[in-house]
C-alpha cells in the first residue's frame, strides 16, 4: 500500500486532473495484480523445497531405503525438460 501511495503522490496535479477515475482505478488494479503474482511466486519458492525435502524423508522411511527416492529423483530430472 505504501508503494501505491508513493506512486499516486508522485503524480502532478495536472496529471491527476486530466486522469479520470477509470484510469486511476486501472493503475491501482494493475499494481495490486503484480503484487499478488509476485507474492505468490515468492511464497511458493520458499515452500516448495521444504515440501520436497519432507516428501523424500517420508518416502525414504515408508519404502525402507533409497528405493523410495527413485520417484522424486525421476521427477526432479524430468520436470525441467
PDB file of N, CA and C in Angstrom:
ATOM      1  N   UNK A   1       0.816  -1.187   0.000  1.00  0.00           N
ATOM      2  CA  UNK A   1       0.000   0.000   0.000  1.00  0.00           C
ATOM      3  C   UNK A   1       0.868   1.262   0.000  1.00  0.00           C
ATOM      4  N   UNK A   2       2.007   1.167   0.656  1.00  0.00           N
ATOM      5  CA  UNK A   2       2.888   2.336   0.706  1.00  0.00           C
ATOM      6  C   UNK A   2       3.415   2.663  -0.686  1.00  0.00           C
ATOM      7  N   UNK A   3       3.767   1.645  -1.450  1.00  0.00           N
ATOM      8  CA  UNK A   3       4.259   1.875  -2.810  1.00  0.00           C
ATOM      9  C   UNK A   3       3.171   2.507  -3.677  1.00  0.00           C
ATOM     10  N   UNK A   4       1.959   2.066  -3.480  1.00  0.00           N
ATOM     11  CA  UNK A   4       0.835   2.631  -4.222  1.00  0.00           C
ATOM     12  C   UNK A   4       0.635   4.098  -3.863  1.00  0.00           C
ATOM     13  N   UNK A   5       0.706   4.417  -2.567  1.00  0.00           N
ATOM     14  CA  UNK A   5       0.575   5.799  -2.132  1.00  0.00           C
ATOM     15  C   UNK A   5       1.687   6.663  -2.716  1.00  0.00           C
ATOM     16  N   UNK A   6       2.911   6.147  -2.727  1.00  0.00           N
ATOM     17  CA  UNK A   6       4.026   6.906  -3.285  1.00  0.00           C
ATOM     18  C   UNK A   6       3.850   7.139  -4.777  1.00  0.00           C
ATOM     19  N   UNK A   7       3.325   6.143  -5.469  1.00  0.00           N
ATOM     20  CA  UNK A   7       3.129   6.279  -6.909  1.00  0.00           C
ATOM     21  C   UNK A   7       2.070   7.344  -7.218  1.00  0.00           C
ATOM     22  N   UNK A   8       0.986   7.332  -6.463  1.00  0.00           N
ATOM     23  CA  UNK A   8      -0.076   8.320  -6.687  1.00  0.00           C
ATOM     24  C   UNK A   8       0.386   9.700  -6.245  1.00  0.00           C
ATOM     25  N   UNK A   9       1.169   9.782  -5.177  1.00  0.00           N
ATOM     26  CA  UNK A   9       1.621  11.082  -4.698  1.00  0.00           C
ATOM     27  C   UNK A   9       2.653  11.717  -5.641  1.00  0.00           C
ATOM     28  N   UNK A  10       3.321  10.923  -6.477  1.00  0.00           N
ATOM     29  CA  UNK A  10       4.284  11.467  -7.432  1.00  0.00           C
ATOM     30  C   UNK A  10       3.607  12.085  -8.652  1.00  0.00           C
ATOM     31  N   UNK A  11       2.325  11.789  -8.832  1.00  0.00           N
ATOM     32  CA  UNK A  11       1.617  12.358  -9.971  1.00  0.00           C
ATOM     33  C   UNK A  11       1.466  13.867  -9.782  1.00  0.00           C
ATOM     34  N   UNK A  12       1.606  14.594 -10.852  1.00  0.00           N
ATOM     35  CA  UNK A  12       1.431  16.042 -10.774  1.00  0.00           C
ATOM     36  C   UNK A  12      -0.055  16.371 -10.687  1.00  0.00           C
ATOM     37  N   UNK A  13      -0.337  17.597 -10.269  1.00  0.00           N
ATOM     38  CA  UNK A  13      -1.737  17.994 -10.152  1.00  0.00           C
ATOM     39  C   UNK A  13      -2.408  17.999 -11.524  1.00  0.00           C
ATOM     40  N   UNK A  14      -1.659  18.337 -12.585  1.00  0.00           N
ATOM     41  CA  UNK A  14      -2.227  18.287 -13.933  1.00  0.00           C
ATOM     42  C   UNK A  14      -2.583  16.856 -14.339  1.00  0.00           C
ATOM     43  N   UNK A  15      -1.692  15.903 -13.989  1.00  0.00           N
ATOM     44  CA  UNK A  15      -1.958  14.503 -14.321  1.00  0.00           C
ATOM     45  C   UNK A  15      -3.169  13.982 -13.562  1.00  0.00           C
ATOM     46  N   UNK A  16      -3.323  14.410 -12.320  1.00  0.00           N
ATOM     47  CA  UNK A  16      -4.481  13.968 -11.536  1.00  0.00           C
ATOM     48  C   UNK A  16      -5.756  14.571 -12.094  1.00  0.00           C
ATOM     49  N   UNK A  17      -5.710  15.842 -12.501  1.00  0.00           N
ATOM     50  CA  UNK A  17      -6.909  16.478 -13.052  1.00  0.00           C
ATOM     51  C   UNK A  17      -7.283  15.907 -14.409  1.00  0.00           C
ATOM     52  N   UNK A  18      -6.278  15.573 -15.216  1.00  0.00           N
ATOM     53  CA  UNK A  18      -6.571  15.054 -16.548  1.00  0.00           C
ATOM     54  C   UNK A  18      -6.962  13.580 -16.523  1.00  0.00           C
ATOM     55  N   UNK A  19      -6.562  12.851 -15.499  1.00  0.00           N
ATOM     56  CA  UNK A  19      -6.907  11.426 -15.403  1.00  0.00           C
ATOM     57  C   UNK A  19      -8.293  11.288 -14.796  1.00  0.00           C
ATOM     58  N   UNK A  20      -9.050  10.394 -15.351  1.00  0.00           N
ATOM     59  CA  UNK A  20     -10.364  10.158 -14.771  1.00  0.00           C
ATOM     60  C   UNK A  20     -10.287   9.006 -13.771  1.00  0.00           C
ATOM     61  N   UNK A  21     -11.393   8.717 -13.146  1.00  0.00           N
ATOM     62  CA  UNK A  21     -11.425   7.687 -12.108  1.00  0.00           C
ATOM     63  C   UNK A  21     -11.087   6.320 -12.690  1.00  0.00           C
ATOM     64  N   UNK A  22     -11.507   6.038 -13.903  1.00  0.00           N
ATOM     65  CA  UNK A  22     -11.236   4.752 -14.528  1.00  0.00           C
ATOM     66  C   UNK A  22      -9.754   4.505 -14.722  1.00  0.00           C
ATOM     67  N   UNK A  23      -9.025   5.546 -15.143  1.00  0.00           N
ATOM     68  CA  UNK A  23      -7.584   5.394 -15.327  1.00  0.00           C
ATOM     69  C   UNK A  23      -6.876   5.155 -13.999  1.00  0.00           C
ATOM     70  N   UNK A  24      -7.259   5.878 -12.963  1.00  0.00           N
ATOM     71  CA  UNK A  24      -6.646   5.679 -11.655  1.00  0.00           C
ATOM     72  C   UNK A  24      -6.975   4.291 -11.100  1.00  0.00           C
ATOM     73  N   UNK A  25      -8.217   3.868 -11.289  1.00  0.00           N
ATOM     74  CA  UNK A  25      -8.615   2.533 -10.841  1.00  0.00           C
ATOM     75  C   UNK A  25      -7.824   1.462 -11.577  1.00  0.00           C
ATOM     76  N   UNK A  26      -7.609   1.647 -12.871  1.00  0.00           N
ATOM     77  CA  UNK A  26      -6.830   0.701 -13.664  1.00  0.00           C
ATOM     78  C   UNK A  26      -5.375   0.668 -13.186  1.00  0.00           C
ATOM     79  N   UNK A  27      -4.812   1.807 -12.873  1.00  0.00           N
ATOM     80  CA  UNK A  27      -3.446   1.893 -12.356  1.00  0.00           C
ATOM     81  C   UNK A  27      -3.312   1.118 -11.052  1.00  0.00           C
ATOM     82  N   UNK A  28      -4.238   1.338 -10.145  1.00  0.00           N
ATOM     83  CA  UNK A  28      -4.224   0.656  -8.855  1.00  0.00           C
ATOM     84  C   UNK A  28      -4.428  -0.843  -9.044  1.00  0.00           C
ATOM     85  N   UNK A  29      -5.348  -1.216  -9.911  1.00  0.00           N
ATOM     86  CA  UNK A  29      -5.647  -2.627 -10.156  1.00  0.00           C
ATOM     87  C   UNK A  29      -4.437  -3.357 -10.725  1.00  0.00           C
ATOM     88  N   UNK A  30      -3.752  -2.765 -11.671  1.00  0.00           N
ATOM     89  CA  UNK A  30      -2.565  -3.399 -12.261  1.00  0.00           C
ATOM     90  C   UNK A  30      -1.446  -3.554 -11.237  1.00  0.00           C
ATOM     91  N   UNK A  31      -1.246  -2.556 -10.402  1.00  0.00           N
ATOM     92  CA  UNK A  31      -0.201  -2.636  -9.384  1.00  0.00           C
ATOM     93  C   UNK A  31      -0.505  -3.732  -8.365  1.00  0.00           C
ATOM     94  N   UNK A  32      -1.754  -3.824  -7.935  1.00  0.00           N
ATOM     95  CA  UNK A  32      -2.113  -4.850  -6.963  1.00  0.00           C
ATOM     96  C   UNK A  32      -2.048  -6.241  -7.574  1.00  0.00           C
ATOM     97  N   UNK A  33      -2.379  -6.366  -8.853  1.00  0.00           N
ATOM     98  CA  UNK A  33      -2.280  -7.656  -9.527  1.00  0.00           C
ATOM     99  C   UNK A  33      -0.822  -8.110  -9.602  1.00  0.00           C
ATOM    100  N   UNK A  34       0.070  -7.196  -9.921  1.00  0.00           N
ATOM    101  CA  UNK A  34       1.501  -7.518  -9.967  1.00  0.00           C
ATOM    102  C   UNK A  34       2.012  -7.914  -8.587  1.00  0.00           C
ATOM    103  N   UNK A  35       1.587  -7.201  -7.567  1.00  0.00           N
ATOM    104  CA  UNK A  35       1.984  -7.513  -6.199  1.00  0.00           C
ATOM    105  C   UNK A  35       1.495  -8.899  -5.789  1.00  0.00           C
ATOM    106  N   UNK A  36       0.270  -9.236  -6.155  1.00  0.00           N
ATOM    107  CA  UNK A  36      -0.282 -10.544  -5.825  1.00  0.00           C
ATOM    108  C   UNK A  36       0.496 -11.665  -6.509  1.00  0.00           C
ATOM    109  N   UNK A  37       0.814 -11.489  -7.780  1.00  0.00           N
ATOM    110  CA  UNK A  37       1.548 -12.518  -8.522  1.00  0.00           C
ATOM    111  C   UNK A  37       2.949 -12.726  -7.931  1.00  0.00           C
ATOM    112  N   UNK A  38       3.630 -11.641  -7.621  1.00  0.00           N
ATOM    113  CA  UNK A  38       4.977 -11.751  -7.078  1.00  0.00           C
ATOM    114  C   UNK A  38       4.977 -12.364  -5.685  1.00  0.00           C
ATOM    115  N   UNK A  39       3.988 -12.036  -4.858  1.00  0.00           N
ATOM    116  CA  UNK A  39       3.941 -12.626  -3.517  1.00  0.00           C
ATOM    117  C   UNK A  39       3.651 -14.116  -3.590  1.00  0.00           C
ATOM    118  N   UNK A  40       2.795 -14.543  -4.515  1.00  0.00           N
ATOM    119  CA  UNK A  40       2.514 -15.972  -4.671  1.00  0.00           C
ATOM    120  C   UNK A  40       3.770 -16.719  -5.107  1.00  0.00           C
ATOM    121  N   UNK A  41       4.503 -16.177  -6.052  1.00  0.00           N
ATOM    122  CA  UNK A  41       5.731 -16.826  -6.506  1.00  0.00           C
ATOM    123  C   UNK A  41       6.784 -16.872  -5.409  1.00  0.00           C
ATOM    124  N   UNK A  42       6.863 -15.818  -4.618  1.00  0.00           N
ATOM    125  CA  UNK A  42       7.837 -15.770  -3.527  1.00  0.00           C
ATOM    126  C   UNK A  42       7.531 -16.837  -2.485  1.00  0.00           C
ATOM    127  N   UNK A  43       6.272 -16.958  -2.105  1.00  0.00           N
ATOM    128  CA  UNK A  43       5.880 -17.943  -1.096  1.00  0.00           C
ATOM    129  C   UNK A  43       6.082 -19.358  -1.616  1.00  0.00           C
ATOM    130  N   UNK A  44       5.700 -19.614  -2.859  1.00  0.00           N
ATOM    131  CA  UNK A  44       5.871 -20.965  -3.391  1.00  0.00           C
ATOM    132  C   UNK A  44       7.343 -21.316  -3.581  1.00  0.00           C
ATOM    133  N   UNK A  45       8.189 -20.340  -3.834  1.00  0.00           N
ATOM    134  CA  UNK A  45       9.625 -20.581  -3.948  1.00  0.00           C
ATOM    135  C   UNK A  45      10.213 -20.996  -2.604  1.00  0.00           C
ATOM    136  N   UNK A  46       9.678 -20.475  -1.527  1.00  0.00           N
ATOM    137  CA  UNK A  46      10.158 -20.833  -0.198  1.00  0.00           C
ATOM    138  C   UNK A  46       9.605 -22.184   0.236  1.00  0.00           C
ATOM    139  N   UNK A  47       8.335 -22.456  -0.042  1.00  0.00           N
ATOM    140  CA  UNK A  47       7.681 -23.654   0.470  1.00  0.00           C
ATOM    141  C   UNK A  47       8.023 -24.903  -0.346  1.00  0.00           C
ATOM    142  N   UNK A  48       8.228 -24.786  -1.635  1.00  0.00           N
ATOM    143  CA  UNK A  48       8.460 -25.961  -2.485  1.00  0.00           C
ATOM    144  C   UNK A  48       9.674 -26.800  -2.080  1.00  0.00           C
ATOM    145  N   UNK A  49      10.833 -26.234  -1.796  1.00  0.00           N
ATOM    146  CA  UNK A  49      11.957 -27.084  -1.369  1.00  0.00           C
ATOM    147  C   UNK A  49      11.689 -27.806  -0.043  1.00  0.00           C
ATOM    148  N   UNK A  50      11.010 -27.133   0.884  1.00  0.00           N
ATOM    149  CA  UNK A  50      10.693 -27.794   2.148  1.00  0.00           C
ATOM    150  C   UNK A  50       9.734 -28.954   1.923  1.00  0.00           C
ATOM    151  N   UNK A  51       8.744 -28.772   1.071  1.00  0.00           N
ATOM    152  CA  UNK A  51       7.801 -29.842   0.761  1.00  0.00           C
ATOM    153  C   UNK A  51       8.515 -31.015   0.114  1.00  0.00           C
ATOM    154  N   UNK A  52       9.402 -30.729  -0.812  1.00  0.00           N
ATOM    155  CA  UNK A  52      10.160 -31.790  -1.476  1.00  0.00           C
ATOM    156  C   UNK A  52      11.034 -32.546  -0.473  1.00  0.00           C
ATOM    157  N   UNK A  53      11.674 -31.848   0.426  1.00  0.00           N
ATOM    158  CA  UNK A  53      12.518 -32.488   1.428  1.00  0.00           C
ATOM    159  C   UNK A  53      11.704 -33.419   2.323  1.00  0.00           C
ATOM    160  N   UNK A  54      10.583 -32.923   2.850  1.00  0.00           N
ATOM    161  CA  UNK A  54       9.773 -33.747   3.744  1.00  0.00           C
ATOM    162  C   UNK A  54       9.140 -34.930   3.011  1.00  0.00           C
ATOM    163  N   UNK A  55       8.795 -34.740   1.745  1.00  0.00           N
ATOM    164  CA  UNK A  55       8.276 -35.852   0.948  1.00  0.00           C
ATOM    165  C   UNK A  55       9.336 -36.924   0.774  1.00  0.00           C
ATOM    166  N   UNK A  56      10.561 -36.528   0.497  1.00  0.00           N
ATOM    167  CA  UNK A  56      11.648 -37.503   0.337  1.00  0.00           C
ATOM    168  C   UNK A  56      11.917 -38.248   1.641  1.00  0.00           C
ATOM    169  N   UNK A  57      11.850 -37.548   2.767  1.00  0.00           N
ATOM    170  CA  UNK A  57      12.067 -38.206   4.056  1.00  0.00           C
ATOM    171  C   UNK A  57      10.972 -39.233   4.311  1.00  0.00           C
ATOM    172  N   UNK A  58       9.723 -38.863   4.067  1.00  0.00           N
ATOM    173  CA  UNK A  58       8.610 -39.789   4.284  1.00  0.00           C
ATOM    174  C   UNK A  58       8.733 -41.003   3.361  1.00  0.00           C
ATOM    175  N   UNK A  59       9.038 -40.784   2.087  1.00  0.00           N
ATOM    176  CA  UNK A  59       9.185 -41.911   1.161  1.00  0.00           C
ATOM    177  C   UNK A  59      10.375 -42.791   1.517  1.00  0.00           C
ATOM    178  N   UNK A  60      11.443 -42.191   2.007  1.00  0.00           N
ATOM    179  CA  UNK A  60      12.623 -42.965   2.403  1.00  0.00           C
ATOM    180  C   UNK A  60      12.265 -43.951   3.518  1.00  0.00           C
ATOM    181  N   UNK A  61      11.558 -43.464   4.529  1.00  0.00           N
ATOM    182  CA  UNK A  61      11.200 -44.339   5.645  1.00  0.00           C
ATOM    183  C   UNK A  61      10.024 -45.259   5.314  1.00  0.00           C
ATOM    184  N   UNK A  62       9.129 -44.816   4.468  1.00  0.00           N
ATOM    185  CA  UNK A  62       7.952 -45.630   4.115  1.00  0.00           C
ATOM    186  C   UNK A  62       8.345 -46.849   3.280  1.00  0.00           C
ATOM    187  N   UNK A  63       9.250 -46.661   2.325  1.00  0.00           N
ATOM    188  CA  UNK A  63       9.635 -47.754   1.436  1.00  0.00           C
ATOM    189  C   UNK A  63      10.944 -48.424   1.852  1.00  0.00           C
ATOM    190  N   UNK A  64      11.476 -48.047   2.979  1.00  0.00           N
ATOM    191  CA  UNK A  64      12.608 -48.755   3.552  1.00  0.00           C
ATOM    192  C   UNK A  64      13.949 -48.521   2.898  1.00  0.00           C
ATOM    193  N   UNK A  65      14.228 -47.340   2.493  1.00  0.00           N
ATOM    194  CA  UNK A  65      15.557 -47.062   1.976  1.00  0.00           C
ATOM    195  C   UNK A  65      15.544 -46.201   0.728  1.00  0.00           C
ATOM    196  N   UNK A  66      16.619 -46.347  -0.038  1.00  0.00           N
ATOM    197  CA  UNK A  66      16.843 -45.484  -1.196  1.00  0.00           C
ATOM    198  C   UNK A  66      15.844 -45.714  -2.326  1.00  0.00           C
ATOM    199  N   UNK A  67      15.175 -46.854  -2.336  1.00  0.00           N
ATOM    200  CA  UNK A  67      14.213 -47.128  -3.407  1.00  0.00           C
ATOM    201  C   UNK A  67      13.045 -46.131  -3.355  1.00  0.00           C
ATOM    202  N   UNK A  68      12.756 -45.617  -2.195  1.00  0.00           N
ATOM    203  CA  UNK A  68      11.691 -44.624  -2.062  1.00  0.00           C
ATOM    204  C   UNK A  68      12.037 -43.287  -2.684  1.00  0.00           C
ATOM    205  N   UNK A  69      13.306 -43.048  -2.950  1.00  0.00           N
ATOM    206  CA  UNK A  69      13.733 -41.769  -3.518  1.00  0.00           C
ATOM    207  C   UNK A  69      13.854 -41.807  -5.036  1.00  0.00           C
ATOM    208  N   UNK A  70      13.564 -42.964  -5.634  1.00  0.00           N
ATOM    209  CA  UNK A  70      13.651 -43.072  -7.094  1.00  0.00           C
ATOM    210  C   UNK A  70      12.585 -42.197  -7.758  1.00  0.00           C
ATOM    211  N   UNK A  71      11.364 -42.227  -7.241  1.00  0.00           N
ATOM    212  CA  UNK A  71      10.268 -41.429  -7.821  1.00  0.00           C
ATOM    213  C   UNK A  71      10.542 -39.931  -7.808  1.00  0.00           C
ATOM    214  N   UNK A  72      10.858 -39.361  -6.630  1.00  0.00           N
ATOM    215  CA  UNK A  72      11.195 -37.936  -6.623  1.00  0.00           C
ATOM    216  C   UNK A  72      12.429 -37.610  -7.459  1.00  0.00           C
ATOM    217  N   UNK A  73      13.400 -38.532  -7.516  1.00  0.00           N
ATOM    218  CA  UNK A  73      14.594 -38.296  -8.336  1.00  0.00           C
ATOM    219  C   UNK A  73      14.266 -38.217  -9.808  1.00  0.00           C
ATOM    220  N   UNK A  74      13.402 -39.128 -10.269  1.00  0.00           N
ATOM    221  CA  UNK A  74      12.988 -39.093 -11.675  1.00  0.00           C
ATOM    222  C   UNK A  74      12.206 -37.821 -11.965  1.00  0.00           C
ATOM    223  N   UNK A  75      11.348 -37.417 -11.037  1.00  0.00           N
ATOM    224  CA  UNK A  75      10.576 -36.183 -11.253  1.00  0.00           C
ATOM    225  C   UNK A  75      11.468 -34.950 -11.306  1.00  0.00           C
ATOM    226  N   UNK A  76      12.484 -34.897 -10.446  1.00  0.00           N
ATOM    227  CA  UNK A  76      13.383 -33.734 -10.452  1.00  0.00           C
ATOM    228  C   UNK A  76      14.183 -33.652 -11.751  1.00  0.00           C
ATOM    229  N   UNK A  77      14.479 -34.807 -12.332  1.00  0.00           N
ATOM    230  CA  UNK A  77      15.223 -34.809 -13.592  1.00  0.00           C
ATOM    231  C   UNK A  77      14.292 -34.510 -14.758  1.00  0.00           C
ATOM    232  N   UNK A  78      13.061 -35.027 -14.732  1.00  0.00           N
ATOM    233  CA  UNK A  78      12.154 -34.934 -15.877  1.00  0.00           C
ATOM    234  C   UNK A  78      11.380 -33.619 -15.939  1.00  0.00           C
ATOM    235  N   UNK A  79      11.116 -32.980 -14.813  1.00  0.00           N
ATOM    236  CA  UNK A  79      10.285 -31.765 -14.831  1.00  0.00           C
ATOM    237  C   UNK A  79      10.931 -30.624 -15.612  1.00  0.00           C
ATOM    238  N   UNK A  80      12.228 -30.341 -15.468  1.00  0.00           N
ATOM    239  CA  UNK A  80      12.802 -29.236 -16.243  1.00  0.00           C
ATOM    240  C   UNK A  80      12.751 -29.451 -17.748  1.00  0.00           C
ATOM    241  N   UNK A  81      12.581 -30.692 -18.205  1.00  0.00           N
ATOM    242  CA  UNK A  81      12.526 -30.958 -19.631  1.00  0.00           C
ATOM    243  C   UNK A  81      11.202 -30.473 -20.116  1.00  0.00           C
TER     244      UNK A  81
END
